[in-house]
PDB file of all heavy atoms in Angstrom:
ATOM      1  N   HIS A   1     -15.165  17.796  -0.011  1.00  0.00           N
ATOM      2  CA  HIS A   1     -15.292  17.547  -1.455  1.00  0.00           C
ATOM      3  C   HIS A   1     -16.125  16.296  -1.752  1.00  0.00           C
ATOM      4  O   HIS A   1     -16.094  15.785  -2.873  1.00  0.00           O
ATOM      5  CB  HIS A   1     -13.903  17.432  -2.095  1.00  0.00           C
ATOM      6  CG  HIS A   1     -13.182  18.745  -2.150  1.00  0.00           C
ATOM      7  ND1 HIS A   1     -12.498  19.273  -1.086  1.00  0.00           N
ATOM      8  CD2 HIS A   1     -13.073  19.655  -3.149  1.00  0.00           C
ATOM      9  CE1 HIS A   1     -11.987  20.444  -1.412  1.00  0.00           C
ATOM     10  NE2 HIS A   1     -12.323  20.702  -2.666  1.00  0.00           N
ATOM     11  N   ALA A   2     -16.828  15.795  -0.734  1.00  0.00           N
ATOM     12  CA  ALA A   2     -17.711  14.627  -0.883  1.00  0.00           C
ATOM     13  C   ALA A   2     -16.998  13.414  -1.472  1.00  0.00           C
ATOM     14  O   ALA A   2     -17.530  12.704  -2.317  1.00  0.00           O
ATOM     15  CB  ALA A   2     -18.941  14.994  -1.712  1.00  0.00           C
ATOM     16  N   MET A   3     -15.758  13.197  -1.027  1.00  0.00           N
ATOM     17  CA  MET A   3     -14.981  12.041  -1.478  1.00  0.00           C
ATOM     18  C   MET A   3     -15.010  10.951  -0.419  1.00  0.00           C
ATOM     19  O   MET A   3     -14.715  11.232   0.737  1.00  0.00           O
ATOM     20  CB  MET A   3     -13.504  12.417  -1.677  1.00  0.00           C
ATOM     21  CG  MET A   3     -13.177  13.101  -2.944  1.00  0.00           C
ATOM     22  SD  MET A   3     -11.362  13.249  -3.115  1.00  0.00           S
ATOM     23  CE  MET A   3     -11.017  14.608  -2.020  1.00  0.00           C
ATOM     24  N   PRO A   4     -15.301   9.723  -0.801  1.00  0.00           N
ATOM     25  CA  PRO A   4     -15.158   8.641   0.166  1.00  0.00           C
ATOM     26  C   PRO A   4     -13.680   8.449   0.516  1.00  0.00           C
ATOM     27  O   PRO A   4     -12.805   8.653  -0.331  1.00  0.00           O
ATOM     28  CB  PRO A   4     -15.720   7.415  -0.554  1.00  0.00           C
ATOM     29  CG  PRO A   4     -15.804   7.780  -1.991  1.00  0.00           C
ATOM     30  CD  PRO A   4     -15.788   9.275  -2.097  1.00  0.00           C
ATOM     31  N   VAL A   5     -13.424   8.080   1.761  1.00  0.00           N
ATOM     32  CA  VAL A   5     -12.061   7.870   2.252  1.00  0.00           C
ATOM     33  C   VAL A   5     -11.872   6.391   2.543  1.00  0.00           C
ATOM     34  O   VAL A   5     -12.692   5.765   3.208  1.00  0.00           O
ATOM     35  CB  VAL A   5     -11.809   8.667   3.550  1.00  0.00           C
ATOM     36  CG1 VAL A   5     -10.428   8.366   4.117  1.00  0.00           C
ATOM     37  CG2 VAL A   5     -11.983  10.160   3.299  1.00  0.00           C
ATOM     38  N   THR A   6     -10.788   5.829   2.038  1.00  0.00           N
ATOM     39  CA  THR A   6     -10.434   4.450   2.342  1.00  0.00           C
ATOM     40  C   THR A   6      -9.033   4.446   2.924  1.00  0.00           C
ATOM     41  O   THR A   6      -8.131   5.077   2.384  1.00  0.00           O
ATOM     42  CB  THR A   6     -10.482   3.560   1.081  1.00  0.00           C
ATOM     43  OG1 THR A   6     -11.754   3.733   0.451  1.00  0.00           O
ATOM     44  CG2 THR A   6     -10.298   2.108   1.439  1.00  0.00           C
ATOM     45  N   GLU A   7      -8.876   3.717   4.040  1.00  0.00           N
ATOM     46  CA  GLU A   7      -7.584   3.630   4.716  1.00  0.00           C
ATOM     47  C   GLU A   7      -6.978   2.257   4.477  1.00  0.00           C
ATOM     48  O   GLU A   7      -7.680   1.247   4.493  1.00  0.00           O
ATOM     49  CB  GLU A   7      -7.775   3.830   6.217  1.00  0.00           C
ATOM     50  CG  GLU A   7      -8.390   5.159   6.586  1.00  0.00           C
ATOM     51  CD  GLU A   7      -8.664   5.249   8.064  1.00  0.00           C
ATOM     52  OE1 GLU A   7      -7.726   5.581   8.816  1.00  0.00           O
ATOM     53  OE2 GLU A   7      -9.822   4.956   8.457  1.00  0.00           O
ATOM     54  N   TYR A   8      -5.675   2.253   4.257  1.00  0.00           N
ATOM     55  CA  TYR A   8      -4.936   1.001   4.059  1.00  0.00           C
ATOM     56  C   TYR A   8      -3.725   1.004   4.966  1.00  0.00           C
ATOM     57  O   TYR A   8      -3.069   2.034   5.140  1.00  0.00           O
ATOM     58  CB  TYR A   8      -4.471   0.863   2.602  1.00  0.00           C
ATOM     59  CG  TYR A   8      -5.613   0.802   1.621  1.00  0.00           C
ATOM     60  CD1 TYR A   8      -6.019   1.924   0.922  1.00  0.00           C
ATOM     61  CD2 TYR A   8      -6.298  -0.389   1.407  1.00  0.00           C
ATOM     62  CE1 TYR A   8      -7.081   1.876   0.036  1.00  0.00           C
ATOM     63  CE2 TYR A   8      -7.360  -0.450   0.517  1.00  0.00           C
ATOM     64  CZ  TYR A   8      -7.740   0.686  -0.167  1.00  0.00           C
ATOM     65  OH  TYR A   8      -8.788   0.623  -1.046  1.00  0.00           O
ATOM     66  N   ASN A   9      -3.401  -0.162   5.513  1.00  0.00           N
ATOM     67  CA  ASN A   9      -2.169  -0.231   6.289  1.00  0.00           C
ATOM     68  C   ASN A   9      -1.010  -0.490   5.342  1.00  0.00           C
ATOM     69  O   ASN A   9      -1.212  -0.952   4.209  1.00  0.00           O
ATOM     70  CB  ASN A   9      -2.267  -1.240   7.449  1.00  0.00           C
ATOM     71  CG  ASN A   9      -2.382  -2.668   6.984  1.00  0.00           C
ATOM     72  OD1 ASN A   9      -1.649  -3.109   6.112  1.00  0.00           O
ATOM     73  ND2 ASN A   9      -3.304  -3.407   7.573  1.00  0.00           N
ATOM     74  N   PRO A  10       0.204  -0.173   5.761  1.00  0.00           N
ATOM     75  CA  PRO A  10       1.361  -0.310   4.873  1.00  0.00           C
ATOM     76  C   PRO A  10       1.536  -1.719   4.296  1.00  0.00           C
ATOM     77  O   PRO A  10       1.939  -1.867   3.138  1.00  0.00           O
ATOM     78  CB  PRO A  10       2.537   0.068   5.769  1.00  0.00           C
ATOM     79  CG  PRO A  10       1.943   0.978   6.794  1.00  0.00           C
ATOM     80  CD  PRO A  10       0.565   0.445   7.038  1.00  0.00           C
ATOM     81  N   THR A  11       1.210  -2.738   5.067  1.00  0.00           N
ATOM     82  CA  THR A  11       1.355  -4.114   4.576  1.00  0.00           C
ATOM     83  C   THR A  11       0.416  -4.379   3.407  1.00  0.00           C
ATOM     84  O   THR A  11       0.806  -5.009   2.422  1.00  0.00           O
ATOM     85  CB  THR A  11       1.092  -5.114   5.715  1.00  0.00           C
ATOM     86  OG1 THR A  11       1.964  -4.804   6.800  1.00  0.00           O
ATOM     87  CG2 THR A  11       1.338  -6.541   5.276  1.00  0.00           C
ATOM     88  N   GLN A  12      -0.828  -3.881   3.508  1.00  0.00           N
ATOM     89  CA  GLN A  12      -1.788  -4.036   2.404  1.00  0.00           C
ATOM     90  C   GLN A  12      -1.266  -3.367   1.136  1.00  0.00           C
ATOM     91  O   GLN A  12      -1.383  -3.917   0.048  1.00  0.00           O
ATOM     92  CB  GLN A  12      -3.128  -3.397   2.767  1.00  0.00           C
ATOM     93  CG  GLN A  12      -3.974  -4.150   3.746  1.00  0.00           C
ATOM     94  CD  GLN A  12      -5.224  -3.361   4.079  1.00  0.00           C
ATOM     95  OE1 GLN A  12      -5.142  -2.273   4.633  1.00  0.00           O
ATOM     96  NE2 GLN A  12      -6.374  -3.902   3.734  1.00  0.00           N
ATOM     97  N   VAL A  13      -0.732  -2.165   1.293  1.00  0.00           N
ATOM     98  CA  VAL A  13      -0.240  -1.412   0.140  1.00  0.00           C
ATOM     99  C   VAL A  13       0.930  -2.149  -0.506  1.00  0.00           C
ATOM    100  O   VAL A  13       0.963  -2.352  -1.723  1.00  0.00           O
ATOM    101  CB  VAL A  13       0.166   0.023   0.544  1.00  0.00           C
ATOM    102  CG1 VAL A  13       0.786   0.767  -0.635  1.00  0.00           C
ATOM    103  CG2 VAL A  13      -1.032   0.787   1.087  1.00  0.00           C
ATOM    104  N   LYS A  14       1.882  -2.574   0.317  1.00  0.00           N
ATOM    105  CA  LYS A  14       3.049  -3.289  -0.215  1.00  0.00           C
ATOM    106  C   LYS A  14       2.633  -4.573  -0.916  1.00  0.00           C
ATOM    107  O   LYS A  14       3.168  -4.915  -1.971  1.00  0.00           O
ATOM    108  CB  LYS A  14       4.033  -3.591   0.920  1.00  0.00           C
ATOM    109  CG  LYS A  14       4.716  -2.343   1.451  1.00  0.00           C
ATOM    110  CD  LYS A  14       5.579  -2.669   2.656  1.00  0.00           C
ATOM    111  CE  LYS A  14       6.226  -1.405   3.203  1.00  0.00           C
ATOM    112  NZ  LYS A  14       7.047  -1.687   4.376  1.00  0.00           N
ATOM    113  N   MET A  15       1.664  -5.282  -0.347  1.00  0.00           N
ATOM    114  CA  MET A  15       1.177  -6.522  -0.957  1.00  0.00           C
ATOM    115  C   MET A  15       0.516  -6.229  -2.301  1.00  0.00           C
ATOM    116  O   MET A  15       0.748  -6.948  -3.281  1.00  0.00           O
ATOM    117  CB  MET A  15       0.189  -7.204  -0.008  1.00  0.00           C
ATOM    118  CG  MET A  15      -0.311  -8.523  -0.532  1.00  0.00           C
ATOM    119  SD  MET A  15       1.011  -9.739  -0.692  1.00  0.00           S
ATOM    120  CE  MET A  15       0.904 -10.516   0.878  1.00  0.00           C
ATOM    121  N   ALA A  16      -0.274  -5.166  -2.365  1.00  0.00           N
ATOM    122  CA  ALA A  16      -0.966  -4.819  -3.607  1.00  0.00           C
ATOM    123  C   ALA A  16       0.005  -4.398  -4.706  1.00  0.00           C
ATOM    124  O   ALA A  16      -0.243  -4.627  -5.884  1.00  0.00           O
ATOM    125  CB  ALA A  16      -1.976  -3.698  -3.350  1.00  0.00           C
ATOM    126  N   ILE A  17       1.116  -3.786  -4.314  1.00  0.00           N
ATOM    127  CA  ILE A  17       2.057  -3.250  -5.298  1.00  0.00           C
ATOM    128  C   ILE A  17       3.128  -4.266  -5.687  1.00  0.00           C
ATOM    129  O   ILE A  17       3.459  -4.418  -6.858  1.00  0.00           O
ATOM    130  CB  ILE A  17       2.732  -1.957  -4.765  1.00  0.00           C
ATOM    131  CG1 ILE A  17       1.681  -0.899  -4.446  1.00  0.00           C
ATOM    132  CG2 ILE A  17       3.768  -1.416  -5.741  1.00  0.00           C
ATOM    133  CD1 ILE A  17       0.813  -0.494  -5.598  1.00  0.00           C
ATOM    134  N   THR A  18       3.699  -4.946  -4.695  1.00  0.00           N
ATOM    135  CA  THR A  18       4.834  -5.833  -4.963  1.00  0.00           C
ATOM    136  C   THR A  18       4.503  -7.318  -4.824  1.00  0.00           C
ATOM    137  O   THR A  18       5.295  -8.154  -5.235  1.00  0.00           O
ATOM    138  CB  THR A  18       6.010  -5.534  -4.009  1.00  0.00           C
ATOM    139  OG1 THR A  18       5.635  -5.917  -2.675  1.00  0.00           O
ATOM    140  CG2 THR A  18       6.407  -4.067  -4.058  1.00  0.00           C
ATOM    141  N   GLY A  19       3.378  -7.615  -4.184  1.00  0.00           N
ATOM    142  CA  GLY A  19       3.050  -9.015  -3.920  1.00  0.00           C
ATOM    143  C   GLY A  19       3.687  -9.530  -2.639  1.00  0.00           C
ATOM    144  O   GLY A  19       3.558 -10.689  -2.292  1.00  0.00           O
ATOM    145  N   TYR A  20       4.391  -8.632  -1.916  1.00  0.00           N
ATOM    146  CA  TYR A  20       5.074  -9.010  -0.681  1.00  0.00           C
ATOM    147  C   TYR A  20       4.836  -7.918   0.356  1.00  0.00           C
ATOM    148  O   TYR A  20       5.232  -6.765   0.151  1.00  0.00           O
ATOM    149  CB  TYR A  20       6.577  -9.194  -0.953  1.00  0.00           C
ATOM    150  CG  TYR A  20       7.400  -9.545   0.250  1.00  0.00           C
ATOM    151  CD1 TYR A  20       7.136 -10.692   0.997  1.00  0.00           C
ATOM    152  CD2 TYR A  20       8.461  -8.741   0.643  1.00  0.00           C
ATOM    153  CE1 TYR A  20       7.902 -11.018   2.110  1.00  0.00           C
ATOM    154  CE2 TYR A  20       9.240  -9.062   1.752  1.00  0.00           C
ATOM    155  CZ  TYR A  20       8.946 -10.203   2.483  1.00  0.00           C
ATOM    156  OH  TYR A  20       9.699 -10.533   3.591  1.00  0.00           O
ATOM    157  N   GLY A  21       4.194  -8.267   1.462  1.00  0.00           N
ATOM    158  CA  GLY A  21       3.795  -7.302   2.472  1.00  0.00           C
ATOM    159  C   GLY A  21       4.912  -6.653   3.252  1.00  0.00           C
ATOM    160  O   GLY A  21       4.693  -5.672   3.957  1.00  0.00           O
ATOM    161  N   ARG A  22       6.125  -7.175   3.124  1.00  0.00           N
ATOM    162  CA  ARG A  22       7.264  -6.584   3.838  1.00  0.00           C
ATOM    163  C   ARG A  22       8.299  -5.990   2.881  1.00  0.00           C
ATOM    164  O   ARG A  22       9.478  -5.870   3.223  1.00  0.00           O
ATOM    165  CB  ARG A  22       7.911  -7.626   4.746  1.00  0.00           C
ATOM    166  CG  ARG A  22       6.983  -8.132   5.832  1.00  0.00           C
ATOM    167  CD  ARG A  22       7.764  -8.926   6.862  1.00  0.00           C
ATOM    168  NE  ARG A  22       6.907  -9.504   7.865  1.00  0.00           N
ATOM    169  CZ  ARG A  22       6.504  -8.873   8.957  1.00  0.00           C
ATOM    170  NH1 ARG A  22       6.866  -7.629   9.155  1.00  0.00           N
ATOM    171  NH2 ARG A  22       5.736  -9.470   9.835  1.00  0.00           N
ATOM    172  N   ALA A  23       7.846  -5.624   1.708  1.00  0.00           N
ATOM    173  CA  ALA A  23       8.749  -5.054   0.700  1.00  0.00           C
ATOM    174  C   ALA A  23       9.372  -3.758   1.222  1.00  0.00           C
ATOM    175  O   ALA A  23       8.782  -3.041   2.026  1.00  0.00           O
ATOM    176  CB  ALA A  23       7.985  -4.778  -0.591  1.00  0.00           C
ATOM    177  N   GLU A  24      10.566  -3.480   0.750  1.00  0.00           N
ATOM    178  CA  GLU A  24      11.260  -2.230   1.102  1.00  0.00           C
ATOM    179  C   GLU A  24      10.668  -1.076   0.295  1.00  0.00           C
ATOM    180  O   GLU A  24      10.101  -1.275  -0.780  1.00  0.00           O
ATOM    181  CB  GLU A  24      12.759  -2.356   0.784  1.00  0.00           C
ATOM    182  CG  GLU A  24      13.473  -3.443   1.561  1.00  0.00           C
ATOM    183  CD  GLU A  24      13.540  -3.164   3.054  1.00  0.00           C
ATOM    184  OE1 GLU A  24      13.685  -1.973   3.432  1.00  0.00           O
ATOM    185  OE2 GLU A  24      13.412  -4.114   3.835  1.00  0.00           O
ATOM    186  N   LYS A  25      10.849   0.140   0.804  1.00  0.00           N
ATOM    187  CA  LYS A  25      10.316   1.330   0.126  1.00  0.00           C
ATOM    188  C   LYS A  25      10.822   1.444  -1.311  1.00  0.00           C
ATOM    189  O   LYS A  25      10.083   1.828  -2.212  1.00  0.00           O
ATOM    190  CB  LYS A  25      10.652   2.595   0.906  1.00  0.00           C
ATOM    191  CG  LYS A  25       9.766   2.794   2.119  1.00  0.00           C
ATOM    192  CD  LYS A  25       9.976   4.182   2.689  1.00  0.00           C
ATOM    193  CE  LYS A  25       8.981   4.492   3.781  1.00  0.00           C
ATOM    194  NZ  LYS A  25       7.664   4.875   3.285  1.00  0.00           N
ATOM    195  N   GLN A  26      12.082   1.111  -1.539  1.00  0.00           N
ATOM    196  CA  GLN A  26      12.649   1.205  -2.882  1.00  0.00           C
ATOM    197  C   GLN A  26      11.968   0.219  -3.837  1.00  0.00           C
ATOM    198  O   GLN A  26      11.732   0.543  -4.998  1.00  0.00           O
ATOM    199  CB  GLN A  26      14.168   0.968  -2.842  1.00  0.00           C
ATOM    200  CG  GLN A  26      14.854   1.200  -4.178  1.00  0.00           C
ATOM    201  CD  GLN A  26      14.673   2.627  -4.717  1.00  0.00           C
ATOM    202  OE1 GLN A  26      14.651   3.597  -3.970  1.00  0.00           O
ATOM    203  NE2 GLN A  26      14.541   2.753  -6.030  1.00  0.00           N
ATOM    204  N   GLN A  27      11.625  -0.964  -3.339  1.00  0.00           N
ATOM    205  CA  GLN A  27      10.917  -1.938  -4.173  1.00  0.00           C
ATOM    206  C   GLN A  27       9.533  -1.412  -4.547  1.00  0.00           C
ATOM    207  O   GLN A  27       9.097  -1.571  -5.691  1.00  0.00           O
ATOM    208  CB  GLN A  27      10.779  -3.272  -3.426  1.00  0.00           C
ATOM    209  CG  GLN A  27      12.086  -4.009  -3.231  1.00  0.00           C
ATOM    210  CD  GLN A  27      11.899  -5.208  -2.309  1.00  0.00           C
ATOM    211  OE1 GLN A  27      11.523  -5.059  -1.151  1.00  0.00           O
ATOM    212  NE2 GLN A  27      12.155  -6.385  -2.844  1.00  0.00           N
ATOM    213  N   VAL A  28       8.856  -0.798  -3.586  1.00  0.00           N
ATOM    214  CA  VAL A  28       7.539  -0.222  -3.852  1.00  0.00           C
ATOM    215  C   VAL A  28       7.667   0.876  -4.908  1.00  0.00           C
ATOM    216  O   VAL A  28       6.909   0.911  -5.879  1.00  0.00           O
ATOM    217  CB  VAL A  28       6.899   0.338  -2.551  1.00  0.00           C
ATOM    218  CG1 VAL A  28       5.625   1.114  -2.860  1.00  0.00           C
ATOM    219  CG2 VAL A  28       6.625  -0.796  -1.572  1.00  0.00           C
ATOM    220  N   LYS A  29       8.649   1.732  -4.742  1.00  0.00           N
ATOM    221  CA  LYS A  29       8.870   2.827  -5.691  1.00  0.00           C
ATOM    222  C   LYS A  29       9.132   2.295  -7.098  1.00  0.00           C
ATOM    223  O   LYS A  29       8.560   2.784  -8.080  1.00  0.00           O
ATOM    224  CB  LYS A  29      10.036   3.689  -5.206  1.00  0.00           C
ATOM    225  CG  LYS A  29      10.303   4.909  -6.051  1.00  0.00           C
ATOM    226  CD  LYS A  29      11.413   5.736  -5.431  1.00  0.00           C
ATOM    227  CE  LYS A  29      11.772   6.929  -6.264  1.00  0.00           C
ATOM    228  NZ  LYS A  29      12.820   7.742  -5.646  1.00  0.00           N
TER     229      LYS A  29
END
């Protein structure tokens, strides 16, 4: 589908969402 793919590690995602790279799944949710 000609989409660029970007990969993120879980710590990056948690940091972007919660501000803390070791956040629990419930905090992310």
